[in-house]
């Protein structure tokens, strides 16, 4: 009888603890749901994997005023350059999944790094971060200093073929612009020496100084220098001509079809972020991009807005881009030692 009472008491205690655990779990879920419903209640950090002045930084700051208005909270840009964007990606992936950390990634970090740094990468974007929406898709142009002799792409290729290894190009090591230039070299049958630069904003500086002969850079980054007559462009790496560079032919029009380079940017959040927060951020971003002042600011900066209808659409786009760039990396036998 004593043993039965002990067993009964133990059973009751176990049941009480189970009920208590269930109630605590319900409270926790209710708290999380309440937090998601009221998000955001404080400033949101936007981690940028490159320094100020680059395309990703420009996109973030152009969108910032309208996104602040849409969310009702400050958006605080946090530039964390270094390690080809991997430092920022790892920081974002380790952040609390509570909606107060956004990762503003670009094509290089989101689509190239998983292949280029497969043996050392501590973060897998596809597993550790969740895509929210595309923000912008900025086409590249081929830039040279205004006093550089070749007048167009055809003359450039002829000059390069006549002097293999004499001329160079600049880009961030392993970036989409670097890989696109390697693809261009192969298709055009030329050999340009690579000059690594620390950030995208420094590419135009290198070309202007004469240290770099050629480079692929964003239309947005090149536009003020071209307008000032300091740089000129030989080709646009887009399917159609860029409105701000209407007199610049595309690569296809210049006889080299298939060479395209677009620096797209998008929002990601740490995996585990509540779906309600992801949906609110997606809706707020779309609302921000539809504001007349935002559209005008992006047009002035030669940055084409581009958004995703759903987070799933954006995530599928990122996976497709990853496969495309992985093929280019393989075709060019490119490795980072």
Protein backbone atom coordinates (compact mmCIF):
# COMPACT_ATOMS: atom_id res chain seq x y z
CA UNK A 1 0.00 0.00 0.00
CA UNK A 2 2.84 2.33 0.86
CA UNK A 3 4.49 1.64 -2.49
CA UNK A 4 1.23 2.37 -4.29
CA UNK A 5 0.90 5.72 -2.53
CA UNK A 6 4.48 6.62 -3.38
CA UNK A 7 3.90 5.66 -7.01
CA UNK A 8 0.65 7.61 -7.06
CA UNK A 9 2.34 10.67 -5.54
CA UNK A 10 5.21 10.43 -8.05
CA UNK A 11 2.69 10.15 -10.87
CA UNK A 12 0.84 13.21 -9.62
CA UNK A 13 4.08 15.14 -9.33
CA UNK A 14 5.06 14.13 -12.84
CA UNK A 15 1.68 15.19 -14.15
CA UNK A 16 1.92 18.53 -12.37
CA UNK A 17 5.37 19.17 -13.86
CA UNK A 18 4.09 18.21 -17.31
CA UNK A 19 1.14 20.58 -16.97
CA UNK A 20 3.43 23.31 -15.68
CA UNK A 21 5.82 22.76 -18.59
CA UNK A 22 2.96 22.89 -21.06
CA UNK A 23 1.65 26.12 -19.51
CA UNK A 24 5.11 27.71 -19.64
CA UNK A 25 5.44 26.70 -23.30
CA UNK A 26 2.05 28.26 -24.03
CA UNK A 27 3.09 31.46 -22.26
CA UNK A 28 6.34 31.53 -24.25
CA UNK A 29 4.49 31.05 -27.53
CA UNK A 30 1.98 33.72 -26.61
CA UNK A 31 4.84 36.06 -25.75
CA UNK A 32 6.57 35.38 -29.07
CA UNK A 33 3.32 35.91 -30.96
CA UNK A 34 2.74 39.17 -29.10
CA UNK A 35 6.30 40.34 -29.89
CA UNK A 36 5.86 39.50 -33.57
CA UNK A 37 2.48 41.23 -33.69
CA UNK A 38 3.92 44.45 -32.20
CA UNK A 39 7.23 44.38 -34.08
CA UNK A 40 9.10 46.67 -34.34
CA UNK A 41 9.14 48.49 -31.01
CA UNK A 42 12.77 49.70 -31.23
CA UNK A 43 15.36 50.54 -33.92
CA UNK A 44 16.31 47.84 -36.44
CA UNK A 45 19.95 47.24 -37.39
CA UNK A 46 20.76 46.77 -41.07
CA UNK A 47 24.12 44.99 -41.44
CA UNK A 48 25.91 45.91 -44.68
CA UNK A 49 28.82 43.66 -45.75
CA UNK A 50 30.75 46.47 -47.46
CA UNK A 51 32.02 49.94 -46.62
CA UNK A 52 30.26 53.25 -47.21
CA UNK A 53 29.88 54.38 -50.82
CA UNK A 54 29.49 50.93 -52.39
CA UNK A 55 26.34 49.80 -54.20
CA UNK A 56 24.90 47.88 -51.24
CA UNK A 57 25.44 50.85 -48.95
CA UNK A 58 23.86 53.19 -51.51
CA UNK A 59 20.77 50.98 -51.85
CA UNK A 60 20.34 50.76 -48.08
CA UNK A 61 20.57 54.50 -47.54
CA UNK A 62 18.31 55.36 -50.49
CA UNK A 63 15.60 53.10 -49.08
CA UNK A 64 16.17 54.10 -45.44
CA UNK A 65 13.82 57.15 -45.19
CA UNK A 66 10.77 55.43 -46.69
CA UNK A 67 11.38 52.20 -44.77
CA UNK A 68 11.60 54.15 -41.50
CA UNK A 69 8.24 55.70 -42.37
CA UNK A 70 6.71 52.32 -43.25
CA UNK A 71 7.94 50.57 -40.09
CA UNK A 72 7.67 53.46 -37.67
CA UNK A 73 11.17 52.81 -36.31
CA UNK A 74 14.70 53.87 -37.14
CA UNK A 75 16.78 51.73 -39.51
CA UNK A 76 20.41 51.90 -38.40
CA UNK A 77 22.99 51.02 -41.12
CA UNK A 78 25.91 49.00 -39.74
CA UNK A 79 28.78 48.70 -42.24
CA UNK A 80 30.89 45.60 -41.55
CA UNK A 81 33.33 45.18 -44.47
CA UNK A 82 35.93 42.45 -44.68
CA UNK A 83 36.55 38.85 -45.79
CA UNK A 84 34.53 39.27 -48.98
CA UNK A 85 31.38 39.94 -46.97
CA UNK A 86 31.70 36.82 -44.82
CA UNK A 87 32.32 38.76 -41.58
CA UNK A 88 28.97 40.52 -41.94
CA UNK A 89 27.17 37.33 -43.02
CA UNK A 90 28.40 35.44 -39.96
CA UNK A 91 27.44 38.34 -37.68
CA UNK A 92 23.92 38.40 -39.15
CA UNK A 93 23.54 34.63 -38.94
CA UNK A 94 24.44 34.65 -35.22
CA UNK A 95 22.06 37.51 -34.39
CA UNK A 96 18.89 36.86 -32.42
CA UNK A 97 16.02 35.89 -34.76
CA UNK A 98 13.75 38.60 -33.41
CA UNK A 99 13.45 40.93 -36.42
CA UNK A 100 15.86 43.53 -35.10
CA UNK A 101 18.71 42.48 -37.38
CA UNK A 102 18.42 42.70 -41.17
CA UNK A 103 21.23 41.59 -43.45
CA UNK A 104 21.52 43.60 -46.67
CA UNK A 105 23.35 41.19 -48.94
CA UNK A 106 24.40 41.39 -52.57
CA UNK A 107 24.94 38.88 -55.35
CA UNK A 108 28.57 38.16 -54.39
CA UNK A 109 27.91 37.34 -50.74
CA UNK A 110 24.60 35.55 -51.27
CA UNK A 111 25.38 33.63 -54.48
CA UNK A 112 29.16 33.26 -54.88
CA UNK A 113 30.66 32.81 -51.44
CA UNK A 114 29.10 29.42 -50.73
CA UNK A 115 31.09 28.05 -53.70
CA UNK A 116 34.25 30.13 -53.39
CA UNK A 117 34.70 29.62 -49.65
CA UNK A 118 33.13 26.17 -49.31
CA UNK A 119 36.00 24.83 -47.17
CA UNK A 120 36.24 27.78 -44.77
CA UNK A 121 32.82 29.41 -44.70
CA UNK A 122 31.21 29.35 -41.27
CA UNK A 123 27.84 30.50 -42.55
CA UNK A 124 25.55 28.91 -45.11
CA UNK A 125 23.13 31.60 -46.28
CA UNK A 126 20.66 29.00 -47.48
CA UNK A 127 20.53 27.41 -44.03
CA UNK A 128 21.38 30.20 -41.58
CA UNK A 129 19.56 33.13 -43.17
CA UNK A 130 16.13 33.55 -44.77
CA UNK A 131 15.55 35.75 -47.80
CA UNK A 132 12.84 38.39 -47.51
CA UNK A 133 12.85 40.31 -50.79
CA UNK A 134 14.94 41.62 -53.63
CA UNK A 135 15.61 45.36 -53.38
CA UNK A 136 17.47 46.45 -56.50
CA UNK A 137 19.22 45.05 -59.55
CA UNK A 138 22.00 47.38 -60.67
CA UNK A 139 23.55 46.64 -64.08
CA UNK A 140 27.28 47.00 -64.54
CA UNK A 141 29.20 48.95 -67.13
CA UNK A 142 32.75 48.51 -68.41
CA UNK A 143 34.67 51.64 -67.40
CA UNK A 144 38.00 53.16 -68.45
CA UNK A 145 39.62 56.52 -67.84
CA UNK A 146 38.41 59.13 -70.31
CA UNK A 147 41.86 59.60 -71.84
CA UNK A 148 42.43 55.86 -72.43
CA UNK A 149 43.03 55.28 -76.13
CA UNK A 150 40.59 52.53 -77.27
CA UNK A 151 37.34 54.26 -78.20
CA UNK A 152 35.01 51.27 -77.99
CA UNK A 153 34.84 47.60 -77.03
CA UNK A 154 36.04 46.35 -80.41
CA UNK A 155 39.16 48.52 -80.27
CA UNK A 156 39.73 47.49 -76.67
CA UNK A 157 39.70 43.78 -77.53
CA UNK A 158 42.05 44.36 -80.46
CA UNK A 159 44.44 46.32 -78.22
CA UNK A 160 44.38 43.64 -75.52
CA UNK A 161 45.02 40.84 -78.02
CA UNK A 162 48.00 42.74 -79.43
CA UNK A 163 49.53 43.08 -75.94
CA UNK A 164 48.53 40.07 -73.78
CA UNK A 165 49.23 40.56 -70.10
CA UNK A 166 50.08 44.25 -70.44
CA UNK A 167 46.76 45.64 -69.20
CA UNK A 168 44.83 44.97 -66.01
CA UNK A 169 41.40 45.12 -64.43
CA UNK A 170 40.35 45.81 -60.87
CA UNK A 171 37.75 44.16 -58.64
CA UNK A 172 37.16 42.80 -55.17
CA UNK A 173 38.72 39.33 -55.05
CA UNK A 174 36.08 36.69 -55.77
CA UNK A 175 33.29 39.20 -56.31
CA UNK A 176 30.70 38.85 -59.02
CA UNK A 177 32.52 41.60 -60.96
CA UNK A 178 35.76 39.62 -60.74
CA UNK A 179 34.10 36.46 -62.02
CA UNK A 180 32.27 38.34 -64.77
CA UNK A 181 35.58 39.82 -65.97
CA UNK A 182 37.17 36.37 -66.06
CA UNK A 183 34.22 35.20 -68.14
CA UNK A 184 34.66 38.22 -70.42
CA UNK A 185 38.39 37.46 -70.82
CA UNK A 186 37.65 33.90 -71.89
CA UNK A 187 34.88 34.81 -74.30
CA UNK A 188 36.81 37.70 -75.86
CA UNK A 189 40.08 35.74 -76.04
CA UNK A 190 42.10 38.31 -74.07
CA UNK A 191 44.19 38.25 -70.92
CA UNK A 192 43.88 41.04 -68.37
CA UNK A 193 45.85 40.93 -65.11
CA UNK A 194 43.75 41.14 -61.96
CA UNK A 195 44.36 43.97 -59.44
CA UNK A 196 42.53 43.26 -56.15
CA UNK A 197 40.79 46.21 -54.48
CA UNK A 198 39.45 46.42 -50.94
CA UNK A 199 35.91 47.54 -51.81
CA UNK A 200 33.63 48.35 -54.70
CA UNK A 201 33.76 52.07 -54.00
CA UNK A 202 37.53 52.01 -54.65
CA UNK A 203 37.26 50.61 -58.17
CA UNK A 204 36.48 53.95 -59.81
CA UNK A 205 39.24 55.55 -57.72
CA UNK A 206 41.75 53.04 -59.10
CA UNK A 207 40.66 53.65 -62.68
CA UNK A 208 40.79 57.41 -62.23
CA UNK A 209 44.34 57.22 -60.81
CA UNK A 210 45.52 55.07 -63.72
CA UNK A 211 46.43 52.15 -61.47
CA UNK A 212 43.60 50.16 -63.02
CA UNK A 213 42.98 50.13 -66.77
CA UNK A 214 39.57 48.44 -66.91
CA UNK A 215 36.82 47.46 -64.50
CA UNK A 216 33.23 46.35 -64.29
CA UNK A 217 31.38 48.59 -61.87
CA UNK A 218 27.79 49.53 -61.24
CA UNK A 219 26.09 52.10 -63.41
CA UNK A 220 25.25 53.95 -60.18
CA UNK A 221 28.89 54.14 -59.13
CA UNK A 222 30.12 55.17 -62.58
CA UNK A 223 27.45 57.76 -63.38
CA UNK A 224 28.86 60.83 -61.56
CA UNK A 225 32.35 60.25 -62.97
CA UNK A 226 31.04 59.77 -66.51
CA UNK A 227 28.91 62.91 -66.23
CA UNK A 228 31.99 64.82 -65.07
CA UNK A 229 33.99 63.52 -68.03
CA UNK A 230 36.52 61.67 -65.90
CA UNK A 231 35.48 58.17 -67.01
CA UNK A 232 33.96 56.67 -70.12
CA UNK A 233 32.16 53.39 -70.71
CA UNK A 234 32.70 50.83 -73.46
CA UNK A 235 29.73 48.53 -72.83
CA UNK A 236 26.74 47.84 -70.61
CA UNK A 237 26.49 44.38 -69.05
CA UNK A 238 22.70 44.31 -69.22
CA UNK A 239 20.20 42.83 -71.67
CA UNK A 240 18.92 46.26 -72.66
CA UNK A 241 20.64 49.61 -72.76
CA UNK A 242 20.70 51.51 -69.48
CA UNK A 243 18.57 54.70 -69.65
CA UNK A 244 21.27 56.82 -68.02
CA UNK A 245 23.80 55.44 -70.55
CA UNK A 246 21.55 55.39 -73.62
CA UNK A 247 24.46 55.81 -76.04
CA UNK A 248 26.43 52.88 -74.57
CA UNK A 249 25.84 49.56 -76.40
CA UNK A 250 25.32 46.31 -74.53
CA UNK A 251 27.85 43.50 -74.68
CA UNK A 252 25.55 41.64 -77.07
CA UNK A 253 25.31 44.67 -79.37
CA UNK A 254 29.10 44.82 -79.30
CA UNK A 255 29.43 41.23 -80.49
CA UNK A 256 29.81 39.40 -77.16
CA UNK A 257 26.39 37.98 -76.22
CA UNK A 258 25.86 36.13 -72.95
CA UNK A 259 28.04 38.34 -70.76
CA UNK A 260 25.79 39.85 -68.13
CA UNK A 261 26.62 41.29 -64.73
CA UNK A 262 24.01 42.67 -62.36
CA UNK A 263 24.71 43.65 -58.77
CA UNK A 264 21.44 42.77 -57.08
CA UNK A 265 20.76 43.43 -53.41
CA UNK A 266 18.22 41.97 -51.03
CA UNK A 267 17.06 41.67 -47.43
CA UNK A 268 17.79 38.59 -45.32
CA UNK A 269 17.03 37.80 -41.67
CA UNK A 270 18.39 35.12 -39.31
CA UNK A 271 16.69 31.75 -39.64
CA UNK A 272 14.12 31.31 -36.91
CA UNK A 273 12.73 34.81 -37.32
CA UNK A 274 8.93 34.50 -36.90
CA UNK A 275 7.06 34.34 -40.19
CA UNK A 276 4.81 37.19 -39.03
CA UNK A 277 7.86 39.48 -38.79
CA UNK A 278 9.18 38.35 -42.18
CA UNK A 279 5.81 39.13 -43.74
CA UNK A 280 5.65 42.56 -42.07
CA UNK A 281 9.17 43.42 -43.24
CA UNK A 282 8.35 42.25 -46.77
CA UNK A 283 5.15 44.33 -46.87
CA UNK A 284 6.88 47.39 -45.40
CA UNK A 285 9.72 47.14 -47.92
CA UNK A 286 7.32 46.90 -50.86
CA UNK A 287 5.41 49.88 -49.51
CA UNK A 288 8.65 51.85 -49.14
CA UNK A 289 9.77 51.09 -52.70
CA UNK A 290 6.46 52.34 -54.08
CA UNK A 291 6.76 55.82 -52.58
CA UNK A 292 7.29 58.56 -55.21
CA UNK A 293 10.27 60.01 -53.35
CA UNK A 294 11.94 56.59 -53.22
CA UNK A 295 11.36 55.93 -56.91
CA UNK A 296 12.77 59.35 -57.79
CA UNK A 297 15.83 58.88 -55.57
CA UNK A 298 16.63 55.47 -57.08
CA UNK A 299 16.16 56.74 -60.63
CA UNK A 300 18.46 59.69 -60.00
CA UNK A 301 21.14 57.34 -58.68
CA UNK A 302 20.77 54.95 -61.68
CA UNK A 303 19.68 52.15 -59.33
CA UNK A 304 16.76 50.12 -60.73
CA UNK A 305 14.34 49.03 -58.03
CA UNK A 306 13.40 45.35 -58.09
CA UNK A 307 11.26 43.57 -55.50
CA UNK A 308 9.99 40.02 -54.96
CA UNK A 309 6.31 39.20 -54.74
CA UNK A 310 6.94 36.80 -51.85
CA UNK A 311 9.90 35.72 -49.69
CA UNK A 312 9.72 32.31 -51.36
CA UNK A 313 10.13 33.91 -54.79
CA UNK A 314 13.24 35.71 -53.60
CA UNK A 315 14.71 32.56 -52.06
CA UNK A 316 14.18 30.68 -55.34
CA UNK A 317 15.87 33.54 -57.21
CA UNK A 318 18.90 33.36 -54.89
CA UNK A 319 19.23 29.61 -55.43
CA UNK A 320 19.08 30.07 -59.22
CA UNK A 321 21.74 32.77 -59.05
CA UNK A 322 23.94 30.54 -56.90
CA UNK A 323 23.77 27.80 -59.51
CA UNK A 324 24.54 30.24 -62.34
CA UNK A 325 27.62 31.70 -60.68
CA UNK A 326 28.79 28.26 -59.57
CA UNK A 327 28.88 27.27 -63.26
CA UNK A 328 30.91 30.38 -64.13
CA UNK A 329 33.35 29.63 -61.30
CA UNK A 330 33.73 26.06 -62.55
CA UNK A 331 34.04 27.04 -66.23
CA UNK A 332 36.85 29.45 -65.37
CA UNK A 333 38.51 27.02 -62.93
CA UNK A 334 38.61 29.84 -60.41
CA UNK A 335 39.81 29.18 -56.86
CA UNK A 336 40.77 31.38 -53.92
CA UNK A 337 43.91 30.09 -52.25
